[in-house]
Amino acid sequence: MTARTHTGAQVRRTGVDTRLPWWALALPAAAFVALFLLVTGSGDAQAMGGDPGVGGLLQHLRQTLSP
């Protein structure tokens, strides 16, 4: 009678590859950075009259958060 020895944990593959390609993380990150720079980089831009809207909110946040 021979004894079975297990030399290591057996790994079962389910057939589903869950690894992402590099661009699946890089493209959304690059888009986020580009949009963030567009929103925060318009410090000298002035809206042409009307309701301040998001610009007023961003100005208020900048004043509140500045030291």
N, C-alpha and C. Protein backbone atom coordinates (compact mmCIF):
# COMPACT_ATOMS: atom_id res chain seq x y z
N MET A 1 0.83 -1.16 0.00
CA MET A 1 0.00 0.00 0.00
C MET A 1 0.89 1.25 0.00
N THR A 2 0.65 2.13 -0.94
CA THR A 2 1.45 3.35 -1.02
C THR A 2 0.65 4.53 -0.49
N ALA A 3 1.32 5.39 0.19
CA ALA A 3 0.66 6.57 0.74
C ALA A 3 0.78 7.71 -0.27
N ARG A 4 -0.33 8.42 -0.43
CA ARG A 4 -0.31 9.58 -1.33
C ARG A 4 0.21 10.79 -0.57
N THR A 5 1.10 11.49 -1.18
CA THR A 5 1.63 12.71 -0.56
C THR A 5 1.24 13.90 -1.42
N HIS A 6 0.84 14.92 -0.76
CA HIS A 6 0.51 16.17 -1.46
C HIS A 6 1.70 17.10 -1.35
N THR A 7 2.24 17.47 -2.47
CA THR A 7 3.42 18.33 -2.46
C THR A 7 3.04 19.80 -2.40
N GLY A 8 1.83 20.14 -2.66
CA GLY A 8 1.41 21.55 -2.61
C GLY A 8 -0.09 21.65 -2.79
N ALA A 9 -0.59 22.81 -2.56
CA ALA A 9 -2.03 23.02 -2.72
C ALA A 9 -2.38 22.96 -4.20
N GLN A 10 -3.44 22.26 -4.48
CA GLN A 10 -3.89 22.17 -5.86
C GLN A 10 -4.78 23.37 -6.14
N VAL A 11 -4.53 24.00 -7.25
CA VAL A 11 -5.28 25.20 -7.63
C VAL A 11 -6.19 24.85 -8.79
N ARG A 12 -7.45 25.10 -8.61
CA ARG A 12 -8.40 24.87 -9.70
C ARG A 12 -8.62 26.17 -10.44
N ARG A 13 -8.61 26.06 -11.74
CA ARG A 13 -8.88 27.23 -12.57
C ARG A 13 -10.32 27.16 -13.01
N THR A 14 -11.01 28.28 -12.91
CA THR A 14 -12.41 28.30 -13.30
C THR A 14 -12.59 28.62 -14.77
N GLY A 15 -11.55 29.03 -15.42
CA GLY A 15 -11.64 29.35 -16.84
C GLY A 15 -11.95 30.82 -17.08
N VAL A 16 -12.10 31.60 -16.02
CA VAL A 16 -12.38 33.02 -16.17
C VAL A 16 -11.11 33.79 -15.82
N ASP A 17 -10.63 34.57 -16.76
CA ASP A 17 -9.44 35.37 -16.53
C ASP A 17 -9.87 36.74 -16.04
N THR A 18 -9.53 37.09 -14.82
CA THR A 18 -9.99 38.35 -14.22
C THR A 18 -8.94 39.45 -14.27
N ARG A 19 -7.84 39.21 -14.92
CA ARG A 19 -6.81 40.23 -15.03
C ARG A 19 -7.23 41.30 -16.04
N LEU A 20 -6.96 42.56 -15.72
CA LEU A 20 -7.28 43.66 -16.62
C LEU A 20 -6.06 44.06 -17.42
N PRO A 21 -6.25 44.48 -18.65
CA PRO A 21 -5.12 45.02 -19.41
C PRO A 21 -4.71 46.37 -18.81
N TRP A 22 -3.50 46.82 -19.11
CA TRP A 22 -2.98 48.04 -18.51
C TRP A 22 -3.82 49.26 -18.86
N TRP A 23 -4.38 49.29 -20.07
CA TRP A 23 -5.12 50.47 -20.50
C TRP A 23 -6.50 50.55 -19.85
N ALA A 24 -6.99 49.47 -19.27
CA ALA A 24 -8.29 49.50 -18.61
C ALA A 24 -8.24 50.34 -17.33
N LEU A 25 -7.07 50.54 -16.77
CA LEU A 25 -6.90 51.42 -15.63
C LEU A 25 -6.30 52.76 -16.02
N ALA A 26 -5.45 52.75 -17.04
CA ALA A 26 -4.75 53.98 -17.43
C ALA A 26 -5.69 54.99 -18.12
N LEU A 27 -6.58 54.52 -18.98
CA LEU A 27 -7.45 55.45 -19.69
C LEU A 27 -8.44 56.18 -18.78
N PRO A 28 -9.15 55.51 -17.88
CA PRO A 28 -10.01 56.26 -16.96
C PRO A 28 -9.23 57.21 -16.06
N ALA A 29 -8.04 56.80 -15.63
CA ALA A 29 -7.22 57.68 -14.79
C ALA A 29 -6.79 58.92 -15.57
N ALA A 30 -6.40 58.74 -16.82
CA ALA A 30 -6.00 59.88 -17.66
C ALA A 30 -7.18 60.80 -17.93
N ALA A 31 -8.36 60.24 -18.17
CA ALA A 31 -9.55 61.06 -18.39
C ALA A 31 -9.91 61.84 -17.14
N PHE A 32 -9.80 61.22 -15.97
CA PHE A 32 -10.09 61.91 -14.72
C PHE A 32 -9.13 63.08 -14.51
N VAL A 33 -7.84 62.85 -14.75
CA VAL A 33 -6.85 63.90 -14.57
C VAL A 33 -7.11 65.04 -15.54
N ALA A 34 -7.43 64.72 -16.80
CA ALA A 34 -7.68 65.77 -17.79
C ALA A 34 -8.90 66.61 -17.41
N LEU A 35 -9.98 65.96 -17.00
CA LEU A 35 -11.17 66.72 -16.60
C LEU A 35 -10.93 67.52 -15.33
N PHE A 36 -10.18 66.95 -14.40
CA PHE A 36 -9.86 67.67 -13.16
C PHE A 36 -9.04 68.91 -13.46
N LEU A 37 -8.07 68.81 -14.39
CA LEU A 37 -7.27 69.98 -14.75
C LEU A 37 -8.11 71.02 -15.47
N LEU A 38 -9.08 70.59 -16.28
CA LEU A 38 -9.95 71.55 -16.93
C LEU A 38 -10.80 72.32 -15.93
N VAL A 39 -11.28 71.65 -14.92
CA VAL A 39 -12.13 72.30 -13.93
C VAL A 39 -11.32 73.23 -13.04
N THR A 40 -10.16 72.78 -12.57
CA THR A 40 -9.39 73.58 -11.61
C THR A 40 -8.44 74.57 -12.28
N GLY A 41 -8.14 74.40 -13.54
CA GLY A 41 -7.18 75.27 -14.20
C GLY A 41 -7.76 76.55 -14.76
N SER A 42 -9.04 76.79 -14.60
CA SER A 42 -9.66 77.98 -15.18
C SER A 42 -9.79 79.08 -14.13
N GLY A 43 -8.70 79.39 -13.44
CA GLY A 43 -8.72 80.41 -12.39
C GLY A 43 -8.91 81.82 -12.93
N ASP A 44 -8.42 82.12 -14.14
CA ASP A 44 -8.53 83.46 -14.70
C ASP A 44 -9.75 83.63 -15.58
N ALA A 45 -10.43 82.57 -15.90
CA ALA A 45 -11.58 82.65 -16.79
C ALA A 45 -12.77 83.27 -16.06
N GLN A 46 -13.51 84.11 -16.77
CA GLN A 46 -14.69 84.75 -16.22
C GLN A 46 -15.88 84.40 -17.10
N ALA A 47 -16.98 84.05 -16.47
CA ALA A 47 -18.21 83.77 -17.22
C ALA A 47 -18.79 85.08 -17.71
N MET A 48 -19.50 85.04 -18.82
CA MET A 48 -20.07 86.26 -19.38
C MET A 48 -21.46 86.48 -18.81
N GLY A 49 -21.54 87.12 -17.65
CA GLY A 49 -22.81 87.46 -17.04
C GLY A 49 -23.62 86.24 -16.65
N GLY A 50 -24.84 86.46 -16.21
CA GLY A 50 -25.73 85.35 -15.88
C GLY A 50 -25.46 84.75 -14.52
N ASP A 51 -26.05 83.60 -14.30
CA ASP A 51 -25.95 82.88 -13.04
C ASP A 51 -24.56 82.28 -12.87
N PRO A 52 -23.91 82.46 -11.71
CA PRO A 52 -22.56 81.92 -11.54
C PRO A 52 -22.53 80.40 -11.55
N GLY A 53 -23.58 79.73 -11.09
CA GLY A 53 -23.69 78.27 -11.16
C GLY A 53 -22.53 77.55 -10.53
N VAL A 54 -21.92 76.64 -11.30
CA VAL A 54 -20.84 75.80 -10.79
C VAL A 54 -19.60 76.64 -10.49
N GLY A 55 -19.37 77.67 -11.28
CA GLY A 55 -18.22 78.53 -11.03
C GLY A 55 -18.28 79.20 -9.67
N GLY A 56 -19.46 79.64 -9.28
CA GLY A 56 -19.63 80.24 -7.96
C GLY A 56 -19.41 79.23 -6.85
N LEU A 57 -19.88 78.01 -7.07
CA LEU A 57 -19.68 76.95 -6.08
C LEU A 57 -18.20 76.62 -5.93
N LEU A 58 -17.50 76.50 -7.05
CA LEU A 58 -16.07 76.21 -6.99
C LEU A 58 -15.30 77.35 -6.33
N GLN A 59 -15.69 78.59 -6.60
CA GLN A 59 -15.03 79.74 -5.97
C GLN A 59 -15.25 79.71 -4.46
N HIS A 60 -16.48 79.40 -4.06
CA HIS A 60 -16.80 79.32 -2.63
C HIS A 60 -15.98 78.21 -1.96
N LEU A 61 -15.88 77.06 -2.61
CA LEU A 61 -15.08 75.95 -2.06
C LEU A 61 -13.61 76.33 -1.95
N ARG A 62 -13.09 77.01 -2.96
CA ARG A 62 -11.69 77.41 -2.94
C ARG A 62 -11.44 78.39 -1.80
N GLN A 63 -12.34 79.34 -1.58
CA GLN A 63 -12.18 80.29 -0.49
C GLN A 63 -12.29 79.61 0.86
N THR A 64 -13.19 78.64 0.95
CA THR A 64 -13.38 77.93 2.22
C THR A 64 -12.18 77.07 2.57
N LEU A 65 -11.59 76.42 1.58
CA LEU A 65 -10.49 75.49 1.83
C LEU A 65 -9.11 76.14 1.86
N SER A 66 -8.99 77.38 1.40
CA SER A 66 -7.67 78.02 1.38
C SER A 66 -7.28 78.44 2.80
N PRO A 67 -5.99 78.32 3.13
CA PRO A 67 -5.52 78.65 4.50
C PRO A 67 -5.50 80.11 4.80
